[in-house]
Amino acid sequence: MKLASLKGGRDGRLVVVSQDLAWYADAGAIAPTLQSALDDWDRAEPLLRGLAQSLEHGAVPRERFHEHEAASPLPRAYQWADGSAYVNHVALVRQARAADMPQSFWTDPLMYQGGSDGFLGPRDPIPLADEGFGCDMEGEIAVIVGDVPMGASREEGLAAIRLVMLCNDVSLRNLIPGEIGKGFGFFQSKPASAFSPVAVTPDALGEAWRDGRLHGALEVELNGAPLGCADAGIDMTFDFGTLIAHAARTRALGAGTIIGSGTVSNRGPDDGPGKTIAEGGVGYSCLAELRTVETLTAGAPKTPFMRRGDVVRIEMRDVRRHTLFGAIEQTVEAPG
């Protein structure tokens, strides 16, 4: 089952989307918003599935689904907690900052709580007040959970996953060192993120969803040129069940909490930094990794961070090259 929120009001309008993302049916009679459906999932989920089946059979009124009309599936959320499940990414970025890499990072997930009072739509521009901030994309996987009790196990965390989606976790890289140096985490360096046009139930992903991971190439493009196609199911040190259990260790998680994977990152064949796509590698899901590799191999980064007018696109396709979640496609612009 695939769900989306069409733009309208702060929380959007819930619709069920066909498997090929061509059509949608209004779900307002079941739940007006995705958050309301998540709050009453035991009742709403079977009704939404019935509507989805009717949509596939053409048995209900339907309209064309246009991704540019979609907000992020949850236009705002009660909680957005982003992990760093791909420790290879953490190691490379910290190396670029000349920061130590504690051994515990390989055994205990890293996680921060981001702003969730408003997310960018998947086709909304990225507002950038100052190009000197070092604007970067981060291609990620994210899940939306139902209620998770405090102290939940990994298995309970996996069972609580309701929906899977893609994420562009926008980062302002040049602001990060100063904030981290204060010892109190990200804030100004982490503006609003964006999520894919549709969120998908794990069962609808088939074999792509297994072991608490989404398997498949996460395609990241910058200005129409391939930047990365790392497999999200490879080199994920901590699966989503582990991330959810980590987040719930000392607090309960409310329905609608979003948990992110952190930047998808694959090691190179020699366990070293990966190579660019042009060099036969799988590339990178963010510019910071590319710049780190440039620094390691050439002594200094040569690729700039994003500037106004740059366009980033993030998407994942199935084995038949059909889009699974729709595309995040955003242009960097001055604040409007």
Protein backbone atom coordinates (compact mmCIF):
# COMPACT_ATOMS: atom_id res chain seq x y z
CA MET A 1 0.00 0.00 0.00
CA LYS A 2 1.23 3.47 -0.90
CA LEU A 3 0.06 6.62 0.88
CA ALA A 4 0.60 10.31 0.20
CA SER A 5 -0.46 13.68 1.52
CA LEU A 6 -1.63 16.21 -1.04
CA LYS A 7 -0.87 19.82 -0.21
CA GLY A 8 -3.58 21.63 1.71
CA GLY A 9 -3.50 22.94 5.27
CA ARG A 10 -0.65 22.21 7.63
CA ASP A 11 -1.07 18.45 7.61
CA GLY A 12 -2.12 17.79 4.03
CA ARG A 13 -4.91 15.55 2.72
CA LEU A 14 -4.47 11.79 2.93
CA VAL A 15 -4.78 9.80 -0.29
CA VAL A 16 -4.08 6.21 -1.34
CA VAL A 17 -1.83 6.00 -4.40
CA SER A 18 -1.75 3.21 -6.98
CA GLN A 19 1.26 0.93 -7.15
CA ASP A 20 2.46 2.60 -10.36
CA LEU A 21 1.99 6.08 -8.83
CA ALA A 22 -0.36 7.06 -11.66
CA TRP A 23 -3.61 7.43 -9.71
CA TYR A 24 -4.91 8.32 -6.29
CA ALA A 25 -8.13 7.90 -4.35
CA ASP A 26 -9.17 10.27 -1.60
CA ALA A 27 -8.97 8.64 1.84
CA GLY A 28 -10.76 11.38 3.76
CA ALA A 29 -13.68 9.12 4.67
CA ILE A 30 -11.22 6.89 6.54
CA ALA A 31 -8.81 9.48 7.95
CA PRO A 32 -8.35 13.11 6.94
CA THR A 33 -4.57 13.08 7.43
CA LEU A 34 -1.80 10.51 7.66
CA GLN A 35 -1.20 11.41 11.30
CA SER A 36 -4.82 10.69 12.15
CA ALA A 37 -4.53 7.32 10.40
CA LEU A 38 -1.38 6.50 12.37
CA ASP A 39 -3.10 7.48 15.61
CA ASP A 40 -5.87 4.95 14.86
CA TRP A 41 -3.89 2.45 12.78
CA ASP A 42 -5.65 -0.73 13.90
CA ARG A 43 -8.93 0.64 12.54
CA ALA A 44 -7.62 2.71 9.63
CA GLU A 45 -5.05 0.32 8.14
CA PRO A 46 -7.45 -2.42 6.90
CA LEU A 47 -9.81 0.23 5.52
CA LEU A 48 -6.96 1.94 3.68
CA ARG A 49 -5.85 -1.42 2.28
CA GLY A 50 -9.37 -2.06 1.04
CA LEU A 51 -9.39 1.33 -0.65
CA ALA A 52 -5.99 0.62 -2.20
CA GLN A 53 -7.26 -2.67 -3.63
CA SER A 54 -10.34 -0.97 -5.04
CA LEU A 55 -8.12 1.69 -6.61
CA GLU A 56 -6.01 -0.95 -8.35
CA HIS A 57 -9.19 -2.51 -9.77
CA GLY A 58 -10.61 0.84 -10.87
CA ALA A 59 -13.59 0.33 -8.59
CA VAL A 60 -13.50 3.74 -6.87
CA PRO A 61 -13.33 7.33 -8.12
CA ARG A 62 -9.75 8.19 -8.93
CA GLU A 63 -7.66 11.12 -10.10
CA ARG A 64 -4.24 11.46 -11.62
CA PHE A 65 -1.44 11.57 -9.07
CA HIS A 66 1.07 14.35 -9.70
CA GLU A 67 4.15 14.31 -7.49
CA HIS A 68 4.51 18.09 -7.52
CA GLU A 69 1.12 18.34 -5.76
CA ALA A 70 2.33 16.18 -2.86
CA ALA A 71 3.61 17.38 0.46
CA SER A 72 5.96 15.16 2.40
CA PRO A 73 3.84 12.21 3.62
CA LEU A 74 3.88 13.77 7.09
CA PRO A 75 4.10 17.52 6.42
CA ARG A 76 4.99 17.87 10.09
CA ALA A 77 5.62 15.22 12.72
CA TYR A 78 5.67 14.91 16.47
CA GLN A 79 9.25 13.67 16.31
CA TRP A 80 12.07 13.30 13.76
CA ALA A 81 15.08 11.36 15.00
CA ASP A 82 17.88 10.77 12.52
CA GLY A 83 20.49 8.10 13.07
CA SER A 84 23.81 7.34 11.45
CA ALA A 85 23.35 3.70 10.58
CA TYR A 86 26.00 3.75 7.84
CA VAL A 87 29.05 4.14 10.03
CA ASN A 88 31.27 4.31 6.93
CA HIS A 89 29.73 7.74 6.25
CA VAL A 90 30.35 8.91 9.82
CA ALA A 91 33.97 7.78 9.69
CA LEU A 92 34.66 9.58 6.42
CA VAL A 93 32.99 12.85 7.40
CA ARG A 94 34.74 12.91 10.79
CA GLN A 95 38.02 12.22 9.05
CA ALA A 96 37.46 15.30 6.91
CA ARG A 97 36.92 17.35 10.08
CA ALA A 98 40.01 15.79 11.69
CA ALA A 99 37.71 14.55 14.46
CA ASP A 100 38.33 11.36 16.41
CA MET A 101 36.15 8.34 15.66
CA PRO A 102 35.21 6.65 18.96
CA GLN A 103 35.12 2.85 18.73
CA SER A 104 31.66 2.91 20.34
CA PHE A 105 30.23 4.33 17.11
CA TRP A 106 30.42 0.79 15.67
CA THR A 107 28.37 -0.71 18.52
CA ASP A 108 26.07 2.06 19.75
CA PRO A 109 24.00 4.05 17.22
CA LEU A 110 24.53 7.77 16.84
CA MET A 111 21.28 9.76 16.70
CA TYR A 112 20.09 13.35 16.89
CA GLN A 113 16.64 14.88 17.20
CA GLY A 114 15.90 17.17 14.27
CA GLY A 115 13.29 19.83 13.69
CA SER A 116 9.93 18.32 12.80
CA ASP A 117 7.47 21.22 12.96
CA GLY A 118 7.59 21.56 9.20
CA PHE A 119 9.11 19.51 6.37
CA LEU A 120 9.71 20.56 2.79
CA GLY A 121 7.59 18.96 0.11
CA PRO A 122 9.42 16.60 -2.26
CA ARG A 123 9.36 19.19 -5.06
CA ASP A 124 9.68 22.29 -2.88
CA PRO A 125 12.80 24.45 -3.22
CA ILE A 126 15.55 24.32 -0.62
CA PRO A 127 15.78 27.84 0.84
CA LEU A 128 19.41 28.92 1.30
CA ALA A 129 20.06 32.27 2.91
CA ASP A 130 23.83 32.19 2.44
CA GLU A 131 25.83 30.01 0.03
CA GLY A 132 28.69 30.20 2.51
CA PHE A 133 26.74 27.89 4.83
CA GLY A 134 27.84 24.90 2.71
CA CYS A 135 24.51 23.42 1.60
CA ASP A 136 24.55 19.66 1.11
CA MET A 137 22.01 16.96 0.34
CA GLU A 138 21.91 13.69 2.28
CA GLY A 139 20.12 10.79 0.61
CA GLU A 140 18.58 8.62 3.31
CA ILE A 141 15.92 6.01 4.08
CA ALA A 142 13.34 6.75 6.77
CA VAL A 143 10.53 4.88 8.48
CA ILE A 144 7.38 6.04 10.23
CA VAL A 145 6.44 4.08 13.33
CA GLY A 146 3.33 3.50 15.39
CA ASP A 147 3.40 3.74 19.17
CA VAL A 148 6.60 2.23 20.59
CA PRO A 149 6.86 1.57 24.35
CA MET A 150 9.87 2.68 26.32
CA GLY A 151 12.47 -0.08 26.46
CA ALA A 152 11.21 -1.77 23.29
CA SER A 153 13.31 -4.56 21.82
CA ARG A 154 14.65 -4.64 18.27
CA GLU A 155 11.83 -7.03 17.31
CA GLU A 156 9.21 -4.73 18.81
CA GLY A 157 10.77 -1.85 16.93
CA LEU A 158 10.54 -3.70 13.62
CA ALA A 159 6.92 -4.62 14.30
CA ALA A 160 6.10 -0.94 14.90
CA ILE A 161 7.23 0.17 11.42
CA ARG A 162 4.20 1.35 9.49
CA LEU A 163 5.69 3.02 6.42
CA VAL A 164 9.00 3.45 4.57
CA MET A 165 10.08 6.50 2.57
CA LEU A 166 13.10 8.35 1.19
CA CYS A 167 14.60 11.47 2.71
CA ASN A 168 16.74 14.44 1.76
CA ASP A 169 18.23 15.52 5.07
CA VAL A 170 19.53 18.96 4.11
CA SER A 171 22.73 19.89 5.95
CA LEU A 172 24.65 23.15 6.19
CA ARG A 173 28.12 21.66 6.45
CA ASN A 174 30.07 24.82 7.23
CA LEU A 175 27.92 25.47 10.30
CA ILE A 176 28.33 21.97 11.74
CA PRO A 177 31.86 22.21 13.24
CA GLY A 178 31.01 25.28 15.30
CA GLU A 179 27.83 23.74 16.65
CA ILE A 180 29.41 20.38 17.39
CA GLY A 181 32.30 22.18 19.03
CA LYS A 182 29.90 23.63 21.59
CA GLY A 183 29.06 20.08 22.66
CA PHE A 184 25.33 20.48 22.26
CA GLY A 185 24.56 19.02 18.85
CA PHE A 186 23.01 20.17 15.57
CA PHE A 187 20.51 22.99 15.32
CA GLN A 188 21.15 25.79 12.81
CA SER A 189 23.13 23.38 10.63
CA LYS A 190 20.07 21.14 10.15
CA PRO A 191 17.26 23.06 8.38
CA ALA A 192 14.03 21.49 7.14
CA SER A 193 14.28 18.06 5.51
CA ALA A 194 12.16 16.65 2.68
CA PHE A 195 10.65 13.19 2.17
CA SER A 196 9.51 11.25 -0.88
CA PRO A 197 6.08 11.88 -2.46
CA VAL A 198 4.74 8.55 -1.20
CA ALA A 199 5.32 6.37 1.86
CA VAL A 200 5.09 2.61 1.35
CA THR A 201 4.12 -0.20 3.70
CA PRO A 202 6.97 -2.70 4.16
CA ASP A 203 5.00 -5.60 2.67
CA ALA A 204 4.48 -3.67 -0.58
CA LEU A 205 8.26 -3.49 -1.03
CA GLY A 206 8.53 -7.28 -1.35
CA GLU A 207 12.06 -8.68 -1.22
CA ALA A 208 13.49 -5.16 -1.16
CA TRP A 209 12.47 -5.00 2.52
CA ARG A 210 14.19 -7.63 4.62
CA ASP A 211 16.22 -7.85 7.83
CA GLY A 212 14.99 -4.43 8.88
CA ARG A 213 16.66 -2.82 5.87
CA LEU A 214 15.58 -1.46 2.50
CA HIS A 215 17.67 -3.04 -0.26
CA GLY A 216 18.17 -1.24 -3.54
CA ALA A 217 20.20 1.50 -5.17
CA LEU A 218 19.46 4.98 -3.86
CA GLU A 219 19.91 7.15 -6.94
CA VAL A 220 21.19 10.66 -6.21
CA GLU A 221 21.69 13.18 -9.01
CA LEU A 222 23.01 16.72 -8.95
CA ASN A 223 22.09 18.94 -11.90
CA GLY A 224 21.15 15.87 -13.93
CA ALA A 225 24.48 14.10 -13.42
CA PRO A 226 24.68 10.88 -11.36
CA LEU A 227 26.29 11.44 -7.96
CA GLY A 228 25.50 8.16 -6.20
CA CYS A 229 23.76 4.82 -6.48
CA ALA A 230 24.76 3.18 -3.19
CA ASP A 231 22.75 0.14 -2.12
CA ALA A 232 20.80 1.03 1.01
CA GLY A 233 20.85 -2.57 2.20
CA ILE A 234 24.64 -2.85 2.18
CA ASP A 235 27.00 -1.56 4.90
CA MET A 236 24.07 -0.56 7.13
CA THR A 237 25.67 -1.23 10.50
CA PHE A 238 22.43 -0.79 12.46
CA ASP A 239 19.09 -1.91 11.02
CA PHE A 240 15.88 0.00 11.65
CA GLY A 241 14.82 -2.27 14.50
CA THR A 242 18.04 -1.44 16.30
CA LEU A 243 17.65 2.28 15.59
CA ILE A 244 14.08 2.29 16.93
CA ALA A 245 15.08 0.37 20.06
CA HIS A 246 17.90 2.85 20.60
CA ALA A 247 15.50 5.81 20.32
CA ALA A 248 13.04 4.14 22.71
CA ARG A 249 15.59 3.19 25.36
CA THR A 250 14.53 5.96 27.76
CA ARG A 251 11.29 7.26 26.23
CA ALA A 252 8.19 6.00 24.47
CA LEU A 253 7.83 6.99 20.83
CA GLY A 254 4.47 8.32 19.72
CA ALA A 255 2.72 7.20 16.55
CA GLY A 256 4.03 9.27 13.66
CA THR A 257 7.62 9.41 14.88
CA ILE A 258 10.04 9.36 11.94
CA ILE A 259 13.34 7.51 12.27
CA GLY A 260 16.05 8.18 9.68
CA SER A 261 18.92 5.97 8.61
CA GLY A 262 21.50 8.67 8.08
CA THR A 263 23.29 9.08 4.77
CA VAL A 264 23.37 5.88 2.73
CA SER A 265 27.00 4.95 2.18
CA ASN A 266 28.87 1.95 0.76
CA ARG A 267 32.51 1.09 1.31
CA GLY A 268 34.86 0.60 -1.59
CA PRO A 269 35.78 -2.94 -2.70
CA ASP A 270 38.96 -2.75 -0.61
CA ASP A 271 36.99 -1.53 2.44
CA GLY A 272 38.34 1.94 1.81
CA PRO A 273 36.49 5.04 0.58
CA GLY A 274 34.21 4.34 -2.35
CA LYS A 275 34.81 5.59 -5.87
CA THR A 276 32.80 7.94 -8.03
CA ILE A 277 30.37 6.51 -10.56
CA ALA A 278 32.67 7.70 -13.36
CA GLU A 279 35.44 5.58 -11.82
CA GLY A 280 33.23 2.50 -11.70
CA GLY A 281 32.10 2.90 -8.09
CA VAL A 282 28.66 3.53 -6.62
CA GLY A 283 29.42 7.16 -5.81
CA TYR A 284 28.07 9.08 -2.85
CA SER A 285 24.74 10.13 -1.35
CA CYS A 286 26.08 13.49 -0.19
CA LEU A 287 28.74 15.97 -1.25
CA ALA A 288 30.58 15.78 2.06
CA GLU A 289 31.69 12.22 1.31
CA LEU A 290 32.86 13.14 -2.18
CA ARG A 291 34.78 16.11 -0.80
CA THR A 292 36.35 13.88 1.86
CA VAL A 293 37.54 11.40 -0.76
CA GLU A 294 38.91 14.27 -2.84
CA THR A 295 40.79 15.50 0.20
CA LEU A 296 42.21 12.04 0.90
CA THR A 297 43.29 11.45 -2.69
CA ALA A 298 44.21 14.95 -3.91
CA GLY A 299 44.89 16.89 -0.73
CA ALA A 300 41.88 19.21 -0.99
CA PRO A 301 38.22 19.11 -2.03
CA LYS A 302 37.40 20.37 -5.50
CA THR A 303 33.63 19.84 -5.62
CA PRO A 304 31.71 22.81 -4.19
CA PHE A 305 28.68 22.51 -1.98
CA MET A 306 25.32 23.31 -3.57
CA ARG A 307 24.63 26.79 -4.80
CA ARG A 308 21.42 28.55 -5.73
CA GLY A 309 20.07 27.11 -8.95
CA ASP A 310 21.45 23.63 -8.30
CA VAL A 311 18.96 20.76 -8.53
CA VAL A 312 19.16 17.56 -6.48
CA ARG A 313 17.11 14.45 -7.28
CA ILE A 314 16.76 11.38 -5.03
CA GLU A 315 14.89 8.25 -6.12
CA MET A 316 14.80 4.47 -5.82
CA ARG A 317 13.55 2.05 -8.49
CA ASP A 318 12.58 -1.60 -8.47
CA VAL A 319 14.16 -4.31 -10.63
CA ARG A 320 11.97 -3.23 -13.56
CA ARG A 321 13.15 0.37 -13.15
CA HIS A 322 9.77 1.53 -11.88
CA THR A 323 9.93 4.23 -9.24
CA LEU A 324 9.02 2.98 -5.76
CA PHE A 325 8.48 6.19 -3.80
CA GLY A 326 8.43 8.87 -6.46
CA ALA A 327 11.28 11.37 -6.62
CA ILE A 328 12.53 14.08 -4.33
CA GLU A 329 13.59 16.84 -6.73
CA GLN A 330 14.53 20.18 -5.26
CA THR A 331 16.15 23.38 -6.48
CA VAL A 332 18.30 25.48 -4.16
CA GLU A 333 16.87 28.98 -4.02
CA ALA A 334 17.08 32.16 -2.00
CA PRO A 335 14.41 32.29 0.73
CA GLY A 336 11.16 33.55 -0.74
